[in-house]
Amino acid sequence: MSVASASGAAWNAQRRRVLDRDGWVCTSCGSWLAFDHPDPRHDATVDHIEAVIHNAGKVYDDSELASMCRSCNSAKGDRPLVRVTWWDREIFPNGLPC
């Protein structure tokens, strides 16, 4: 979590709101998500689209947050999020391989 991270009930509510908005799908690779999933490709996280250091004024805006699997979140680091929205769900029903 970043230095400016939220915690507790407010963060949990915001995280669930963002995951609901994004349909519980990783906005980077398209994998389905669940809380505390043992596979990092399906473990639900919420991350800043643009690193807080570059966008401190919108740290807690829902519009600056995106649902991501733990694998994509770790790989993203502090780089801006690149969203993938073109995968074929018939070919990749569980999202793209991370």
N, C-alpha and C. Protein backbone atom coordinates (compact mmCIF):
# COMPACT_ATOMS: atom_id res chain seq x y z
N MET A 1 0.83 -1.18 0.00
CA MET A 1 0.00 0.00 0.00
C MET A 1 0.87 1.24 0.00
N SER A 2 0.42 2.28 -0.62
CA SER A 2 1.18 3.53 -0.67
C SER A 2 1.13 4.26 0.67
N VAL A 3 2.00 5.23 0.82
CA VAL A 3 2.05 6.03 2.04
C VAL A 3 0.70 6.71 2.28
N ALA A 4 0.03 7.10 1.22
CA ALA A 4 -1.24 7.83 1.33
C ALA A 4 -2.45 6.91 1.31
N SER A 5 -2.27 5.63 1.61
CA SER A 5 -3.36 4.66 1.52
C SER A 5 -4.43 4.89 2.57
N ALA A 6 -5.64 4.57 2.19
CA ALA A 6 -6.75 4.58 3.14
C ALA A 6 -6.72 3.26 3.90
N SER A 7 -7.45 3.20 4.98
CA SER A 7 -7.52 1.94 5.72
C SER A 7 -8.87 1.83 6.39
N GLY A 8 -9.16 0.66 6.89
CA GLY A 8 -10.37 0.45 7.65
C GLY A 8 -11.64 0.38 6.82
N ALA A 9 -12.75 0.69 7.48
CA ALA A 9 -14.07 0.55 6.87
C ALA A 9 -14.24 1.43 5.64
N ALA A 10 -13.73 2.66 5.67
CA ALA A 10 -13.88 3.56 4.52
C ALA A 10 -13.18 2.99 3.29
N TRP A 11 -11.97 2.48 3.46
CA TRP A 11 -11.23 1.89 2.34
C TRP A 11 -11.92 0.63 1.84
N ASN A 12 -12.38 -0.23 2.76
CA ASN A 12 -13.06 -1.45 2.34
C ASN A 12 -14.32 -1.13 1.54
N ALA A 13 -15.06 -0.11 1.94
CA ALA A 13 -16.26 0.29 1.20
C ALA A 13 -15.89 0.83 -0.18
N GLN A 14 -14.85 1.65 -0.24
CA GLN A 14 -14.42 2.20 -1.52
C GLN A 14 -13.90 1.10 -2.44
N ARG A 15 -13.11 0.19 -1.88
CA ARG A 15 -12.57 -0.91 -2.68
C ARG A 15 -13.71 -1.74 -3.27
N ARG A 16 -14.71 -2.07 -2.47
CA ARG A 16 -15.85 -2.85 -2.97
C ARG A 16 -16.61 -2.06 -4.03
N ARG A 17 -16.77 -0.76 -3.83
CA ARG A 17 -17.47 0.10 -4.81
C ARG A 17 -16.74 0.07 -6.15
N VAL A 18 -15.41 0.17 -6.14
CA VAL A 18 -14.62 0.16 -7.38
C VAL A 18 -14.69 -1.22 -8.03
N LEU A 19 -14.58 -2.28 -7.25
CA LEU A 19 -14.68 -3.63 -7.80
C LEU A 19 -16.06 -3.87 -8.42
N ASP A 20 -17.12 -3.42 -7.74
CA ASP A 20 -18.47 -3.54 -8.29
C ASP A 20 -18.59 -2.76 -9.60
N ARG A 21 -18.07 -1.54 -9.62
CA ARG A 21 -18.12 -0.71 -10.83
C ARG A 21 -17.43 -1.41 -12.01
N ASP A 22 -16.29 -2.05 -11.73
CA ASP A 22 -15.50 -2.70 -12.78
C ASP A 22 -15.94 -4.14 -13.05
N GLY A 23 -17.02 -4.58 -12.42
CA GLY A 23 -17.56 -5.91 -12.68
C GLY A 23 -16.70 -7.05 -12.15
N TRP A 24 -15.87 -6.79 -11.14
CA TRP A 24 -15.00 -7.80 -10.54
C TRP A 24 -14.12 -8.47 -11.60
N VAL A 25 -13.60 -7.62 -12.49
CA VAL A 25 -12.70 -8.07 -13.56
C VAL A 25 -11.47 -7.18 -13.53
N CYS A 26 -10.29 -7.77 -13.70
CA CYS A 26 -9.05 -6.99 -13.75
C CYS A 26 -9.10 -6.08 -14.98
N THR A 27 -8.92 -4.78 -14.76
CA THR A 27 -8.99 -3.82 -15.86
C THR A 27 -7.72 -3.85 -16.70
N SER A 28 -6.74 -4.65 -16.30
CA SER A 28 -5.51 -4.76 -17.08
C SER A 28 -5.53 -6.01 -17.96
N CYS A 29 -5.86 -7.18 -17.38
CA CYS A 29 -5.79 -8.43 -18.15
C CYS A 29 -7.14 -9.09 -18.40
N GLY A 30 -8.18 -8.67 -17.67
CA GLY A 30 -9.51 -9.23 -17.88
C GLY A 30 -9.85 -10.44 -17.03
N SER A 31 -8.98 -10.87 -16.12
CA SER A 31 -9.26 -12.02 -15.26
C SER A 31 -10.38 -11.70 -14.29
N TRP A 32 -11.20 -12.71 -13.96
CA TRP A 32 -12.21 -12.53 -12.92
C TRP A 32 -11.51 -12.41 -11.58
N LEU A 33 -12.13 -11.72 -10.63
CA LEU A 33 -11.50 -11.44 -9.35
C LEU A 33 -12.34 -11.91 -8.17
N ALA A 34 -11.66 -12.22 -7.07
CA ALA A 34 -12.31 -12.58 -5.81
C ALA A 34 -11.40 -12.13 -4.67
N PHE A 35 -11.99 -11.78 -3.53
CA PHE A 35 -11.18 -11.39 -2.37
C PHE A 35 -10.38 -12.58 -1.86
N ASP A 36 -9.13 -12.34 -1.50
CA ASP A 36 -8.25 -13.34 -0.87
C ASP A 36 -8.14 -14.64 -1.65
N HIS A 37 -8.15 -14.57 -2.97
CA HIS A 37 -7.99 -15.77 -3.79
C HIS A 37 -6.53 -16.20 -3.73
N PRO A 38 -6.24 -17.50 -3.60
CA PRO A 38 -4.85 -17.95 -3.50
C PRO A 38 -4.04 -17.76 -4.79
N ASP A 39 -4.71 -17.68 -5.92
CA ASP A 39 -4.03 -17.46 -7.20
C ASP A 39 -3.93 -15.96 -7.44
N PRO A 40 -2.70 -15.40 -7.55
CA PRO A 40 -2.56 -13.95 -7.72
C PRO A 40 -3.22 -13.41 -8.99
N ARG A 41 -3.52 -14.29 -9.97
CA ARG A 41 -4.20 -13.84 -11.18
C ARG A 41 -5.67 -13.58 -10.94
N HIS A 42 -6.18 -13.98 -9.77
CA HIS A 42 -7.60 -13.79 -9.46
C HIS A 42 -7.82 -13.08 -8.12
N ASP A 43 -6.73 -12.74 -7.41
CA ASP A 43 -6.85 -12.06 -6.12
C ASP A 43 -7.16 -10.58 -6.35
N ALA A 44 -8.29 -10.11 -5.84
CA ALA A 44 -8.78 -8.75 -6.11
C ALA A 44 -7.97 -7.70 -5.36
N THR A 45 -7.49 -6.70 -6.11
CA THR A 45 -6.87 -5.52 -5.53
C THR A 45 -7.45 -4.30 -6.23
N VAL A 46 -7.28 -3.14 -5.62
CA VAL A 46 -7.66 -1.87 -6.24
C VAL A 46 -6.43 -0.99 -6.20
N ASP A 47 -6.09 -0.40 -7.33
CA ASP A 47 -4.87 0.40 -7.41
C ASP A 47 -5.17 1.74 -8.08
N HIS A 48 -4.26 2.68 -7.88
CA HIS A 48 -4.37 3.98 -8.54
C HIS A 48 -4.03 3.85 -10.01
N ILE A 49 -4.81 4.47 -10.87
CA ILE A 49 -4.55 4.46 -12.30
C ILE A 49 -3.24 5.18 -12.58
N GLU A 50 -3.06 6.32 -11.95
CA GLU A 50 -1.82 7.07 -12.06
C GLU A 50 -1.20 7.12 -10.66
N ALA A 51 0.10 6.91 -10.56
CA ALA A 51 0.77 6.86 -9.26
C ALA A 51 0.44 8.10 -8.42
N VAL A 52 0.24 7.89 -7.13
CA VAL A 52 -0.11 8.98 -6.20
C VAL A 52 0.92 10.10 -6.27
N ILE A 53 2.17 9.75 -6.42
CA ILE A 53 3.23 10.77 -6.47
C ILE A 53 3.01 11.74 -7.63
N HIS A 54 2.35 11.29 -8.70
CA HIS A 54 2.09 12.13 -9.87
C HIS A 54 0.71 12.79 -9.83
N ASN A 55 -0.14 12.37 -8.89
CA ASN A 55 -1.53 12.81 -8.91
C ASN A 55 -2.09 12.88 -7.49
N ALA A 56 -1.37 13.54 -6.59
CA ALA A 56 -1.73 13.56 -5.17
C ALA A 56 -3.10 14.17 -4.89
N GLY A 57 -3.59 15.03 -5.75
CA GLY A 57 -4.88 15.68 -5.53
C GLY A 57 -6.07 14.76 -5.65
N LYS A 58 -5.92 13.62 -6.30
CA LYS A 58 -7.04 12.70 -6.52
C LYS A 58 -6.80 11.34 -5.87
N VAL A 59 -6.06 11.33 -4.78
CA VAL A 59 -5.67 10.07 -4.14
C VAL A 59 -6.85 9.15 -3.87
N TYR A 60 -7.97 9.68 -3.38
CA TYR A 60 -9.08 8.82 -2.99
C TYR A 60 -10.31 8.93 -3.88
N ASP A 61 -10.18 9.51 -5.06
CA ASP A 61 -11.31 9.56 -6.00
C ASP A 61 -11.51 8.19 -6.63
N ASP A 62 -12.76 7.72 -6.67
CA ASP A 62 -13.05 6.45 -7.34
C ASP A 62 -12.59 6.48 -8.79
N SER A 63 -12.68 7.65 -9.42
CA SER A 63 -12.30 7.76 -10.83
C SER A 63 -10.81 7.54 -11.06
N GLU A 64 -10.01 7.60 -10.01
CA GLU A 64 -8.57 7.39 -10.12
C GLU A 64 -8.16 6.00 -9.67
N LEU A 65 -9.15 5.13 -9.42
CA LEU A 65 -8.87 3.78 -8.95
C LEU A 65 -9.38 2.76 -9.96
N ALA A 66 -8.72 1.61 -10.01
CA ALA A 66 -9.12 0.55 -10.94
C ALA A 66 -8.95 -0.81 -10.27
N SER A 67 -9.83 -1.74 -10.61
CA SER A 67 -9.74 -3.11 -10.14
C SER A 67 -8.63 -3.82 -10.89
N MET A 68 -7.79 -4.54 -10.16
CA MET A 68 -6.69 -5.28 -10.78
C MET A 68 -6.45 -6.58 -10.03
N CYS A 69 -5.98 -7.60 -10.75
CA CYS A 69 -5.53 -8.81 -10.08
C CYS A 69 -4.17 -8.49 -9.44
N ARG A 70 -3.80 -9.27 -8.44
CA ARG A 70 -2.54 -9.02 -7.75
C ARG A 70 -1.35 -9.11 -8.70
N SER A 71 -1.39 -10.01 -9.68
CA SER A 71 -0.28 -10.14 -10.64
C SER A 71 -0.08 -8.86 -11.44
N CYS A 72 -1.16 -8.32 -11.99
CA CYS A 72 -1.05 -7.09 -12.79
C CYS A 72 -0.69 -5.90 -11.91
N ASN A 73 -1.24 -5.84 -10.71
CA ASN A 73 -0.95 -4.74 -9.80
C ASN A 73 0.55 -4.74 -9.46
N SER A 74 1.10 -5.91 -9.18
CA SER A 74 2.53 -6.00 -8.86
C SER A 74 3.38 -5.62 -10.06
N ALA A 75 2.99 -6.08 -11.24
CA ALA A 75 3.76 -5.79 -12.46
C ALA A 75 3.68 -4.31 -12.83
N LYS A 76 2.55 -3.67 -12.54
CA LYS A 76 2.35 -2.27 -12.89
C LYS A 76 3.29 -1.36 -12.13
N GLY A 77 3.48 -1.63 -10.84
CA GLY A 77 4.33 -0.75 -10.03
C GLY A 77 3.76 0.66 -10.01
N ASP A 78 4.61 1.67 -10.23
CA ASP A 78 4.14 3.06 -10.20
C ASP A 78 3.91 3.63 -11.59
N ARG A 79 3.85 2.73 -12.59
CA ARG A 79 3.57 3.19 -13.96
C ARG A 79 2.06 3.36 -14.14
N PRO A 80 1.63 4.19 -15.09
CA PRO A 80 0.18 4.35 -15.34
C PRO A 80 -0.42 3.03 -15.83
N LEU A 81 -1.68 2.82 -15.50
CA LEU A 81 -2.39 1.61 -15.90
C LEU A 81 -2.66 1.61 -17.40
N VAL A 82 -2.39 0.48 -18.03
CA VAL A 82 -2.77 0.27 -19.43
C VAL A 82 -3.93 -0.71 -19.39
N ARG A 83 -5.09 -0.27 -19.85
CA ARG A 83 -6.28 -1.12 -19.80
C ARG A 83 -6.42 -1.94 -21.08
N VAL A 84 -6.80 -3.20 -20.89
CA VAL A 84 -7.07 -4.09 -22.01
C VAL A 84 -8.57 -4.35 -22.02
N THR A 85 -9.21 -4.04 -23.13
CA THR A 85 -10.67 -4.24 -23.19
C THR A 85 -11.09 -5.02 -24.43
N TRP A 86 -10.14 -5.64 -25.11
CA TRP A 86 -10.45 -6.25 -26.39
C TRP A 86 -10.49 -7.77 -26.37
N TRP A 87 -10.25 -8.45 -25.24
CA TRP A 87 -10.17 -9.89 -25.26
C TRP A 87 -11.51 -10.52 -25.59
N ASP A 88 -11.47 -11.69 -26.20
CA ASP A 88 -12.66 -12.44 -26.57
C ASP A 88 -13.00 -13.38 -25.42
N ARG A 89 -14.12 -13.14 -24.74
CA ARG A 89 -14.48 -13.95 -23.57
C ARG A 89 -14.80 -15.41 -23.93
N GLU A 90 -15.11 -15.70 -25.19
CA GLU A 90 -15.33 -17.09 -25.58
C GLU A 90 -14.01 -17.85 -25.63
N ILE A 91 -12.95 -17.18 -26.05
CA ILE A 91 -11.63 -17.81 -26.12
C ILE A 91 -10.94 -17.78 -24.76
N PHE A 92 -11.08 -16.66 -24.02
CA PHE A 92 -10.45 -16.49 -22.71
C PHE A 92 -11.54 -16.20 -21.67
N PRO A 93 -12.33 -17.21 -21.27
CA PRO A 93 -13.42 -16.96 -20.34
C PRO A 93 -12.96 -16.46 -18.97
N ASN A 94 -11.73 -16.75 -18.59
CA ASN A 94 -11.20 -16.31 -17.30
C ASN A 94 -10.28 -15.11 -17.44
N GLY A 95 -10.31 -14.44 -18.58
CA GLY A 95 -9.43 -13.30 -18.81
C GLY A 95 -8.14 -13.73 -19.49
N LEU A 96 -7.34 -12.75 -19.85
CA LEU A 96 -6.07 -13.03 -20.50
C LEU A 96 -5.07 -13.58 -19.49
N PRO A 97 -4.16 -14.48 -19.93
CA PRO A 97 -3.13 -14.95 -19.00
C PRO A 97 -2.20 -13.80 -18.63
N CYS A 98 -1.93 -13.67 -17.35
CA CYS A 98 -1.06 -12.57 -16.87
C CYS A 98 0.40 -12.88 -17.12
